[in-house]
Protein backbone atom coordinates (compact mmCIF):
# COMPACT_ATOMS: atom_id res chain seq x y z
CA MET A 1 -27.67 30.47 61.03
CA THR A 2 -24.73 32.42 62.32
CA LYS A 3 -25.00 34.10 65.67
CA GLN A 4 -24.45 37.83 65.57
CA GLN A 5 -21.89 39.34 67.86
CA VAL A 6 -23.50 41.61 70.41
CA LYS A 7 -21.77 44.89 71.16
CA SER A 8 -22.72 47.56 73.62
CA ILE A 9 -24.37 50.68 72.23
CA ASP A 10 -21.44 52.77 73.54
CA THR A 11 -18.96 50.70 71.51
CA ILE A 12 -21.07 50.99 68.36
CA ASN A 13 -21.47 54.74 68.78
CA ASP A 14 -17.69 55.14 69.26
CA GLU A 15 -16.98 53.19 66.06
CA GLN A 16 -19.55 55.05 63.95
CA PRO A 17 -20.27 58.49 65.40
CA GLY A 18 -23.68 59.86 64.50
CA LYS A 19 -25.12 56.42 63.73
CA LEU A 20 -27.44 54.76 66.22
CA GLN A 21 -28.11 51.03 66.05
CA PHE A 22 -30.90 49.22 67.86
CA LEU A 23 -30.77 45.57 68.88
CA ILE A 24 -34.27 44.08 69.03
CA THR A 25 -35.24 40.75 70.56
CA PRO A 26 -38.57 39.38 69.33
CA SER A 27 -41.18 38.49 71.93
CA THR A 28 -42.37 34.95 72.50
CA TRP A 29 -45.33 35.20 70.10
CA ILE A 30 -44.46 36.67 66.68
CA ARG A 31 -46.32 37.19 63.40
CA LYS A 32 -45.50 35.30 60.21
CA GLU A 33 -43.59 38.27 58.75
CA LEU A 34 -40.80 37.69 61.30
CA LEU A 35 -40.45 33.94 60.69
CA PHE A 36 -38.26 34.40 57.62
CA PRO A 37 -35.82 36.93 59.16
CA VAL A 38 -35.61 34.96 62.43
CA PHE A 39 -35.66 31.34 61.16
CA GLY A 40 -35.37 31.50 57.38
CA LEU A 41 -38.77 29.83 56.98
CA SER A 42 -41.01 30.89 54.08
CA THR A 43 -44.68 31.63 54.69
CA GLU A 44 -45.56 28.65 52.47
CA ALA A 45 -43.44 26.25 54.56
CA VAL A 46 -44.98 27.63 57.74
CA ARG A 47 -48.49 27.15 56.35
CA LYS A 48 -47.68 23.53 55.48
CA TYR A 49 -46.28 22.81 58.97
CA ARG A 50 -49.47 24.23 60.48
CA ASP A 51 -51.96 22.61 58.07
CA ARG A 52 -50.34 19.16 58.22
CA GLY A 53 -50.30 19.18 62.03
CA ILE A 54 -46.50 19.23 62.28
CA TRP A 55 -46.80 22.41 64.35
CA LEU A 56 -49.47 22.15 67.02
CA GLU A 57 -52.07 24.78 67.85
CA GLU A 58 -51.42 26.43 71.24
CA LYS A 59 -47.84 25.10 71.17
CA GLN A 60 -46.12 26.42 68.02
CA TRP A 61 -49.01 28.61 66.83
CA ARG A 62 -52.30 30.15 67.92
CA THR A 63 -54.76 32.88 66.98
CA ASP A 64 -54.32 36.16 68.87
CA PRO A 65 -57.21 38.39 70.07
CA ALA A 66 -57.12 40.29 66.74
CA ASN A 67 -57.77 36.94 64.96
CA VAL A 68 -54.24 36.86 63.48
CA ILE A 69 -52.17 33.69 63.54
CA VAL A 70 -49.03 34.14 65.65
CA TYR A 71 -46.14 31.75 66.23
CA ASN A 72 -44.25 30.81 69.39
CA ARG A 73 -40.60 31.64 68.75
CA VAL A 74 -39.35 29.59 71.73
CA GLU A 75 -41.27 26.42 70.77
CA ILE A 76 -40.18 26.71 67.14
CA GLU A 77 -36.54 26.99 68.28
CA LYS A 78 -37.00 23.79 70.33
CA TRP A 79 -38.66 22.06 67.33
CA MET A 80 -35.83 23.10 65.01
CA ALA A 81 -33.30 21.74 67.51
CA GLY A 82 -35.07 18.36 67.41
CA HIS A 83 -36.73 18.57 70.83
CA PRO A 84 -40.40 17.60 71.03
């Protein structure tokens, strides 16, 4: 994954007048729809990591109060970097 260059909003607005760009940082716990844009992981791969016990409940994933499975972005980054 390439790291995007961060520019200030003022610089962006000067370069492209009339166009507003937002930079969004995901929270710690994210839904499966963000796993592909953030990590490039398909929903099928994520399901296999969870079902096979590669990702641990309450560490890499959990169920939120709305009974939806959410994933810990920080712990997944550590896992992808090879840290337990």
